[in-house]
Amino acid sequence: MTSQTASTAAAVPAAAQGSHMWVLTLEKPGRGMTTSHGTVTPPAGATRHDTFRRLLDYVISQNPQMSPGNCVFFTLEPNRL
């Protein structure tokens, strides 16, 4: 599974993106909040929970100060219009 956070406003071709778009917000009450987003292609047979846990681990690896934080928002949707 790959995941990425957007760092530029430039469009990435759809073929280079994952099958799903995600947004995850973590908060440490009184100490901070972070929101990450990107695209991901879950492996065959993965559940929504499996994907949430992998993305949560990814976001925490990128923002270690947010561990343990509260998840205040999570969405995982097919990456199509």
PDB file of N, CA and C in Angstrom:
ATOM      1  N   MET A   1       0.846  -1.162   0.000  1.00  0.00           N
ATOM      2  CA  MET A   1       0.000   0.000   0.000  1.00  0.00           C
ATOM      3  C   MET A   1       0.891   1.224   0.000  1.00  0.00           C
ATOM      4  N   THR A   2       0.523   2.216  -0.784  1.00  0.00           N
ATOM      5  CA  THR A   2       1.253   3.463  -0.768  1.00  0.00           C
ATOM      6  C   THR A   2       0.343   4.554  -0.245  1.00  0.00           C
ATOM      7  N   SER A   3       0.933   5.552   0.339  1.00  0.00           N
ATOM      8  CA  SER A   3       0.168   6.713   0.760  1.00  0.00           C
ATOM      9  C   SER A   3       1.040   7.934   0.574  1.00  0.00           C
ATOM     10  N   GLN A   4       0.399   9.069   0.458  1.00  0.00           N
ATOM     11  CA  GLN A   4       1.145  10.290   0.274  1.00  0.00           C
ATOM     12  C   GLN A   4       0.338  11.445   0.818  1.00  0.00           C
ATOM     13  N   THR A   5       1.026  12.496   1.189  1.00  0.00           N
ATOM     14  CA  THR A   5       0.343  13.728   1.540  1.00  0.00           C
ATOM     15  C   THR A   5       0.637  14.722   0.438  1.00  0.00           C
ATOM     16  N   ALA A   6      -0.346  15.524   0.121  1.00  0.00           N
ATOM     17  CA  ALA A   6      -0.169  16.501  -0.940  1.00  0.00           C
ATOM     18  C   ALA A   6       0.707  17.640  -0.442  1.00  0.00           C
ATOM     19  N   SER A   7       1.709  17.989  -1.235  1.00  0.00           N
ATOM     20  CA  SER A   7       2.586  19.078  -0.841  1.00  0.00           C
ATOM     21  C   SER A   7       2.549  20.226  -1.831  1.00  0.00           C
ATOM     22  N   THR A   8       1.899  20.035  -2.971  1.00  0.00           N
ATOM     23  CA  THR A   8       1.785  21.095  -3.959  1.00  0.00           C
ATOM     24  C   THR A   8       0.370  21.129  -4.493  1.00  0.00           C
ATOM     25  N   ALA A   9       0.034  22.215  -5.135  1.00  0.00           N
ATOM     26  CA  ALA A   9      -1.294  22.340  -5.721  1.00  0.00           C
ATOM     27  C   ALA A   9      -1.350  21.745  -7.119  1.00  0.00           C
ATOM     28  N   ALA A  10      -0.209  21.320  -7.649  1.00  0.00           N
ATOM     29  CA  ALA A  10      -0.167  20.754  -8.991  1.00  0.00           C
ATOM     30  C   ALA A  10      -0.958  19.458  -9.053  1.00  0.00           C
ATOM     31  N   ALA A  11      -1.676  19.287 -10.127  1.00  0.00           N
ATOM     32  CA  ALA A  11      -2.473  18.067 -10.303  1.00  0.00           C
ATOM     33  C   ALA A  11      -1.558  16.898 -10.639  1.00  0.00           C
ATOM     34  N   VAL A  12      -1.865  15.761 -10.040  1.00  0.00           N
ATOM     35  CA  VAL A  12      -1.151  14.515 -10.330  1.00  0.00           C
ATOM     36  C   VAL A  12      -2.060  13.709 -11.240  1.00  0.00           C
ATOM     37  N   PRO A  13      -1.534  13.165 -12.339  1.00  0.00           N
ATOM     38  CA  PRO A  13      -2.383  12.375 -13.230  1.00  0.00           C
ATOM     39  C   PRO A  13      -3.097  11.254 -12.469  1.00  0.00           C
ATOM     40  N   ALA A  14      -4.353  11.013 -12.819  1.00  0.00           N
ATOM     41  CA  ALA A  14      -5.149   9.995 -12.132  1.00  0.00           C
ATOM     42  C   ALA A  14      -4.462   8.637 -12.126  1.00  0.00           C
ATOM     43  N   ALA A  15      -3.757   8.294 -13.196  1.00  0.00           N
ATOM     44  CA  ALA A  15      -3.089   6.992 -13.269  1.00  0.00           C
ATOM     45  C   ALA A  15      -2.013   6.843 -12.202  1.00  0.00           C
ATOM     46  N   ALA A  16      -1.472   7.954 -11.711  1.00  0.00           N
ATOM     47  CA  ALA A  16      -0.413   7.907 -10.702  1.00  0.00           C
ATOM     48  C   ALA A  16      -0.975   7.952  -9.285  1.00  0.00           C
ATOM     49  N   GLN A  17      -2.276   8.104  -9.161  1.00  0.00           N
ATOM     50  CA  GLN A  17      -2.914   8.194  -7.850  1.00  0.00           C
ATOM     51  C   GLN A  17      -3.436   6.829  -7.412  1.00  0.00           C
ATOM     52  N   GLY A  18      -3.733   6.712  -6.115  1.00  0.00           N
ATOM     53  CA  GLY A  18      -4.303   5.487  -5.586  1.00  0.00           C
ATOM     54  C   GLY A  18      -5.783   5.369  -5.908  1.00  0.00           C
ATOM     55  N   SER A  19      -6.349   4.228  -5.600  1.00  0.00           N
ATOM     56  CA  SER A  19      -7.759   3.963  -5.885  1.00  0.00           C
ATOM     57  C   SER A  19      -8.702   4.693  -4.934  1.00  0.00           C
ATOM     58  N   HIS A  20      -8.181   5.135  -3.778  1.00  0.00           N
ATOM     59  CA  HIS A  20      -8.991   5.809  -2.766  1.00  0.00           C
ATOM     60  C   HIS A  20      -8.299   7.085  -2.294  1.00  0.00           C
ATOM     61  N   MET A  21      -9.108   8.083  -1.957  1.00  0.00           N
ATOM     62  CA  MET A  21      -8.606   9.326  -1.384  1.00  0.00           C
ATOM     63  C   MET A  21      -8.940   9.307   0.104  1.00  0.00           C
ATOM     64  N   TRP A  22      -8.003   9.787   0.935  1.00  0.00           N
ATOM     65  CA  TRP A  22      -8.225   9.753   2.375  1.00  0.00           C
ATOM     66  C   TRP A  22      -7.851  11.085   3.021  1.00  0.00           C
ATOM     67  N   VAL A  23      -8.487  11.368   4.159  1.00  0.00           N
ATOM     68  CA  VAL A  23      -8.178  12.515   5.011  1.00  0.00           C
ATOM     69  C   VAL A  23      -8.246  12.006   6.444  1.00  0.00           C
ATOM     70  N   LEU A  24      -7.241  12.346   7.242  1.00  0.00           N
ATOM     71  CA  LEU A  24      -7.199  11.905   8.635  1.00  0.00           C
ATOM     72  C   LEU A  24      -6.708  13.066   9.502  1.00  0.00           C
ATOM     73  N   THR A  25      -7.464  13.393  10.549  1.00  0.00           N
ATOM     74  CA  THR A  25      -7.099  14.468  11.475  1.00  0.00           C
ATOM     75  C   THR A  25      -6.895  13.878  12.861  1.00  0.00           C
ATOM     76  N   LEU A  26      -5.745  14.201  13.456  1.00  0.00           N
ATOM     77  CA  LEU A  26      -5.434  13.793  14.817  1.00  0.00           C
ATOM     78  C   LEU A  26      -5.323  15.026  15.691  1.00  0.00           C
ATOM     79  N   GLU A  27      -5.723  14.887  16.954  1.00  0.00           N
ATOM     80  CA  GLU A  27      -5.638  15.996  17.904  1.00  0.00           C
ATOM     81  C   GLU A  27      -5.075  15.502  19.229  1.00  0.00           C
ATOM     82  N   LYS A  28      -4.224  16.320  19.813  1.00  0.00           N
ATOM     83  CA  LYS A  28      -3.816  16.138  21.209  1.00  0.00           C
ATOM     84  C   LYS A  28      -4.409  17.331  21.924  1.00  0.00           C
ATOM     85  N   PRO A  29      -5.503  17.129  22.661  1.00  0.00           N
ATOM     86  CA  PRO A  29      -6.221  18.247  23.268  1.00  0.00           C
ATOM     87  C   PRO A  29      -5.284  19.219  24.002  1.00  0.00           C
ATOM     88  N   GLY A  30      -5.428  20.478  23.641  1.00  0.00           N
ATOM     89  CA  GLY A  30      -4.635  21.525  24.270  1.00  0.00           C
ATOM     90  C   GLY A  30      -3.206  21.603  23.777  1.00  0.00           C
ATOM     91  N   ARG A  31      -2.796  20.672  22.894  1.00  0.00           N
ATOM     92  CA  ARG A  31      -1.392  20.657  22.456  1.00  0.00           C
ATOM     93  C   ARG A  31      -1.215  20.705  20.956  1.00  0.00           C
ATOM     94  N   GLY A  32      -2.242  20.464  20.181  1.00  0.00           N
ATOM     95  CA  GLY A  32      -2.080  20.562  18.736  1.00  0.00           C
ATOM     96  C   GLY A  32      -2.975  19.625  17.960  1.00  0.00           C
ATOM     97  N   MET A  33      -2.965  19.847  16.659  1.00  0.00           N
ATOM     98  CA  MET A  33      -3.789  19.072  15.741  1.00  0.00           C
ATOM     99  C   MET A  33      -3.048  18.992  14.414  1.00  0.00           C
ATOM    100  N   THR A  34      -3.243  17.901  13.690  1.00  0.00           N
ATOM    101  CA  THR A  34      -2.665  17.763  12.352  1.00  0.00           C
ATOM    102  C   THR A  34      -3.661  17.057  11.451  1.00  0.00           C
ATOM    103  N   THR A  35      -3.710  17.490  10.208  1.00  0.00           N
ATOM    104  CA  THR A  35      -4.535  16.844   9.194  1.00  0.00           C
ATOM    105  C   THR A  35      -3.630  16.424   8.053  1.00  0.00           C
ATOM    106  N   SER A  36      -3.752  15.184   7.633  1.00  0.00           N
ATOM    107  CA  SER A  36      -3.002  14.658   6.499  1.00  0.00           C
ATOM    108  C   SER A  36      -3.990  14.118   5.487  1.00  0.00           C
ATOM    109  N   HIS A  37      -3.561  14.061   4.242  1.00  0.00           N
ATOM    110  CA  HIS A  37      -4.427  13.533   3.191  1.00  0.00           C
ATOM    111  C   HIS A  37      -3.570  12.988   2.068  1.00  0.00           C
ATOM    112  N   GLY A  38      -4.195  12.159   1.243  1.00  0.00           N
ATOM    113  CA  GLY A  38      -3.479  11.580   0.118  1.00  0.00           C
ATOM    114  C   GLY A  38      -4.329  10.547  -0.575  1.00  0.00           C
ATOM    115  N   THR A  39      -3.668   9.716  -1.349  1.00  0.00           N
ATOM    116  CA  THR A  39      -4.360   8.619  -2.013  1.00  0.00           C
ATOM    117  C   THR A  39      -3.686   7.309  -1.621  1.00  0.00           C
ATOM    118  N   VAL A  40      -4.452   6.249  -1.697  1.00  0.00           N
ATOM    119  CA  VAL A  40      -3.966   4.934  -1.296  1.00  0.00           C
ATOM    120  C   VAL A  40      -4.678   3.869  -2.128  1.00  0.00           C
ATOM    121  N   THR A  41      -3.982   2.783  -2.390  1.00  0.00           N
ATOM    122  CA  THR A  41      -4.593   1.608  -2.998  1.00  0.00           C
ATOM    123  C   THR A  41      -4.431   0.463  -1.999  1.00  0.00           C
ATOM    124  N   PRO A  42      -5.492   0.150  -1.260  1.00  0.00           N
ATOM    125  CA  PRO A  42      -5.394  -0.933  -0.280  1.00  0.00           C
ATOM    126  C   PRO A  42      -5.130  -2.273  -0.968  1.00  0.00           C
ATOM    127  N   PRO A  43      -4.400  -3.170  -0.298  1.00  0.00           N
ATOM    128  CA  PRO A  43      -4.168  -4.486  -0.884  1.00  0.00           C
ATOM    129  C   PRO A  43      -5.480  -5.277  -0.977  1.00  0.00           C
ATOM    130  N   ALA A  44      -5.516  -6.236  -1.875  1.00  0.00           N
ATOM    131  CA  ALA A  44      -6.705  -7.088  -2.037  1.00  0.00           C
ATOM    132  C   ALA A  44      -7.078  -7.704  -0.697  1.00  0.00           C
ATOM    133  N   GLY A  45      -8.345  -7.657  -0.374  1.00  0.00           N
ATOM    134  CA  GLY A  45      -8.844  -8.255   0.853  1.00  0.00           C
ATOM    135  C   GLY A  45      -8.757  -7.364   2.074  1.00  0.00           C
ATOM    136  N   ALA A  46      -8.162  -6.180   1.947  1.00  0.00           N
ATOM    137  CA  ALA A  46      -8.051  -5.270   3.097  1.00  0.00           C
ATOM    138  C   ALA A  46      -9.423  -4.716   3.454  1.00  0.00           C
ATOM    139  N   THR A  47      -9.647  -4.518   4.734  1.00  0.00           N
ATOM    140  CA  THR A  47     -10.887  -3.917   5.202  1.00  0.00           C
ATOM    141  C   THR A  47     -10.677  -2.420   5.410  1.00  0.00           C
ATOM    142  N   ARG A  48     -11.764  -1.718   5.621  1.00  0.00           N
ATOM    143  CA  ARG A  48     -11.677  -0.283   5.939  1.00  0.00           C
ATOM    144  C   ARG A  48     -10.860  -0.088   7.211  1.00  0.00           C
ATOM    145  N   HIS A  49     -11.068  -0.941   8.208  1.00  0.00           N
ATOM    146  CA  HIS A  49     -10.319  -0.847   9.461  1.00  0.00           C
ATOM    147  C   HIS A  49      -8.830  -1.091   9.234  1.00  0.00           C
ATOM    148  N   ASP A  50      -8.490  -2.097   8.438  1.00  0.00           N
ATOM    149  CA  ASP A  50      -7.081  -2.357   8.119  1.00  0.00           C
ATOM    150  C   ASP A  50      -6.437  -1.110   7.518  1.00  0.00           C
ATOM    151  N   THR A  51      -7.143  -0.501   6.579  1.00  0.00           N
ATOM    152  CA  THR A  51      -6.608   0.680   5.896  1.00  0.00           C
ATOM    153  C   THR A  51      -6.499   1.859   6.854  1.00  0.00           C
ATOM    154  N   PHE A  52      -7.495   2.046   7.713  1.00  0.00           N
ATOM    155  CA  PHE A  52      -7.430   3.104   8.725  1.00  0.00           C
ATOM    156  C   PHE A  52      -6.200   2.926   9.608  1.00  0.00           C
ATOM    157  N   ARG A  53      -5.977   1.719  10.102  1.00  0.00           N
ATOM    158  CA  ARG A  53      -4.830   1.472  10.992  1.00  0.00           C
ATOM    159  C   ARG A  53      -3.502   1.751  10.284  1.00  0.00           C
ATOM    160  N   ARG A  54      -3.397   1.328   9.024  1.00  0.00           N
ATOM    161  CA  ARG A  54      -2.155   1.571   8.274  1.00  0.00           C
ATOM    162  C   ARG A  54      -1.946   3.063   8.030  1.00  0.00           C
ATOM    163  N   LEU A  55      -3.027   3.788   7.711  1.00  0.00           N
ATOM    164  CA  LEU A  55      -2.903   5.231   7.510  1.00  0.00           C
ATOM    165  C   LEU A  55      -2.611   5.952   8.817  1.00  0.00           C
ATOM    166  N   LEU A  56      -3.227   5.507   9.902  1.00  0.00           N
ATOM    167  CA  LEU A  56      -2.947   6.091  11.216  1.00  0.00           C
ATOM    168  C   LEU A  56      -1.469   5.915  11.559  1.00  0.00           C
ATOM    169  N   ASP A  57      -0.943   4.718  11.352  1.00  0.00           N
ATOM    170  CA  ASP A  57       0.483   4.466  11.599  1.00  0.00           C
ATOM    171  C   ASP A  57       1.350   5.370  10.722  1.00  0.00           C
ATOM    172  N   TYR A  58       0.946   5.552   9.460  1.00  0.00           N
ATOM    173  CA  TYR A  58       1.703   6.408   8.543  1.00  0.00           C
ATOM    174  C   TYR A  58       1.709   7.856   9.037  1.00  0.00           C
ATOM    175  N   VAL A  59       0.533   8.372   9.404  1.00  0.00           N
ATOM    176  CA  VAL A  59       0.441   9.764   9.855  1.00  0.00           C
ATOM    177  C   VAL A  59       1.270   9.965  11.124  1.00  0.00           C
ATOM    178  N   ILE A  60       1.209   9.020  12.051  1.00  0.00           N
ATOM    179  CA  ILE A  60       1.999   9.130  13.280  1.00  0.00           C
ATOM    180  C   ILE A  60       3.492   9.043  12.975  1.00  0.00           C
ATOM    181  N   SER A  61       3.880   8.219  12.003  1.00  0.00           N
ATOM    182  CA  SER A  61       5.305   8.140  11.649  1.00  0.00           C
ATOM    183  C   SER A  61       5.810   9.464  11.082  1.00  0.00           C
ATOM    184  N   GLN A  62       4.924  10.209  10.414  1.00  0.00           N
ATOM    185  CA  GLN A  62       5.281  11.508   9.861  1.00  0.00           C
ATOM    186  C   GLN A  62       5.175  12.635  10.897  1.00  0.00           C
ATOM    187  N   ASN A  63       4.414  12.397  11.972  1.00  0.00           N
ATOM    188  CA  ASN A  63       4.167  13.384  13.027  1.00  0.00           C
ATOM    189  C   ASN A  63       4.248  12.701  14.388  1.00  0.00           C
ATOM    190  N   PRO A  64       5.437  12.258  14.806  1.00  0.00           N
ATOM    191  CA  PRO A  64       5.549  11.475  16.033  1.00  0.00           C
ATOM    192  C   PRO A  64       5.000  12.177  17.274  1.00  0.00           C
ATOM    193  N   GLN A  65       4.979  13.498  17.263  1.00  0.00           N
ATOM    194  CA  GLN A  65       4.460  14.239  18.405  1.00  0.00           C
ATOM    195  C   GLN A  65       2.957  14.032  18.592  1.00  0.00           C
ATOM    196  N   MET A  66       2.282  13.462  17.589  1.00  0.00           N
ATOM    197  CA  MET A  66       0.838  13.228  17.685  1.00  0.00           C
ATOM    198  C   MET A  66       0.491  11.864  18.281  1.00  0.00           C
ATOM    199  N   SER A  67       1.488  11.119  18.712  1.00  0.00           N
ATOM    200  CA  SER A  67       1.229   9.810  19.312  1.00  0.00           C
ATOM    201  C   SER A  67       1.284   9.925  20.824  1.00  0.00           C
ATOM    202  N   PRO A  68       0.325   9.452  21.549  1.00  0.00           N
ATOM    203  CA  PRO A  68      -0.987   8.991  21.085  1.00  0.00           C
ATOM    204  C   PRO A  68      -1.935  10.180  20.963  1.00  0.00           C
ATOM    205  N   GLY A  69      -2.537  10.320  19.836  1.00  0.00           N
ATOM    206  CA  GLY A  69      -3.502  11.399  19.622  1.00  0.00           C
ATOM    207  C   GLY A  69      -4.892  10.825  19.402  1.00  0.00           C
ATOM    208  N   ASN A  70      -5.872  11.686  19.459  1.00  0.00           N
ATOM    209  CA  ASN A  70      -7.256  11.289  19.211  1.00  0.00           C
ATOM    210  C   ASN A  70      -7.582  11.501  17.738  1.00  0.00           C
ATOM    211  N   CYS A  71      -8.173  10.521  17.115  1.00  0.00           N
ATOM    212  CA  CYS A  71      -8.635  10.680  15.741  1.00  0.00           C
ATOM    213  C   CYS A  71      -9.966  11.432  15.808  1.00  0.00           C
ATOM    214  N   VAL A  72      -9.990  12.636  15.234  1.00  0.00           N
ATOM    215  CA  VAL A  72     -11.223  13.423  15.256  1.00  0.00           C
ATOM    216  C   VAL A  72     -11.924  13.427  13.898  1.00  0.00           C
ATOM    217  N   PHE A  73     -11.227  12.958  12.864  1.00  0.00           N
ATOM    218  CA  PHE A  73     -11.861  12.866  11.549  1.00  0.00           C
ATOM    219  C   PHE A  73     -11.115  11.846  10.707  1.00  0.00           C
ATOM    220  N   PHE A  74     -11.864  11.019   9.984  1.00  0.00           N
ATOM    221  CA  PHE A  74     -11.284  10.078   9.026  1.00  0.00           C
ATOM    222  C   PHE A  74     -12.299   9.837   7.922  1.00  0.00           C
ATOM    223  N   THR A  75     -11.829   9.917   6.701  1.00  0.00           N
ATOM    224  CA  THR A  75     -12.651   9.533   5.568  1.00  0.00           C
ATOM    225  C   THR A  75     -11.780   8.778   4.569  1.00  0.00           C
ATOM    226  N   LEU A  76     -12.385   7.800   3.934  1.00  0.00           N
ATOM    227  CA  LEU A  76     -11.750   6.995   2.903  1.00  0.00           C
ATOM    228  C   LEU A  76     -12.798   6.763   1.831  1.00  0.00           C
ATOM    229  N   GLU A  77     -12.595   7.348   0.663  1.00  0.00           N
ATOM    230  CA  GLU A  77     -13.598   7.300  -0.399  1.00  0.00           C
ATOM    231  C   GLU A  77     -12.950   6.864  -1.711  1.00  0.00           C
ATOM    232  N   PRO A  78     -13.716   6.230  -2.593  1.00  0.00           N
ATOM    233  CA  PRO A  78     -13.179   5.920  -3.915  1.00  0.00           C
ATOM    234  C   PRO A  78     -12.673   7.200  -4.588  1.00  0.00           C
ATOM    235  N   ASN A  79     -11.544   7.139  -5.239  1.00  0.00           N
ATOM    236  CA  ASN A  79     -10.908   8.298  -5.843  1.00  0.00           C
ATOM    237  C   ASN A  79     -11.417   8.504  -7.274  1.00  0.00           C
ATOM    238  N   ARG A  80     -12.676   8.855  -7.373  1.00  0.00           N
ATOM    239  CA  ARG A  80     -13.279   9.123  -8.677  1.00  0.00           C
ATOM    240  C   ARG A  80     -14.411  10.127  -8.488  1.00  0.00           C
ATOM    241  N   LEU A  81     -14.792  10.769  -9.563  1.00  0.00           N
ATOM    242  CA  LEU A  81     -15.921  11.709  -9.526  1.00  0.00           C
ATOM    243  C   LEU A  81     -17.132  11.087 -10.161  1.00  0.00           C
TER     244      LEU A  81
END
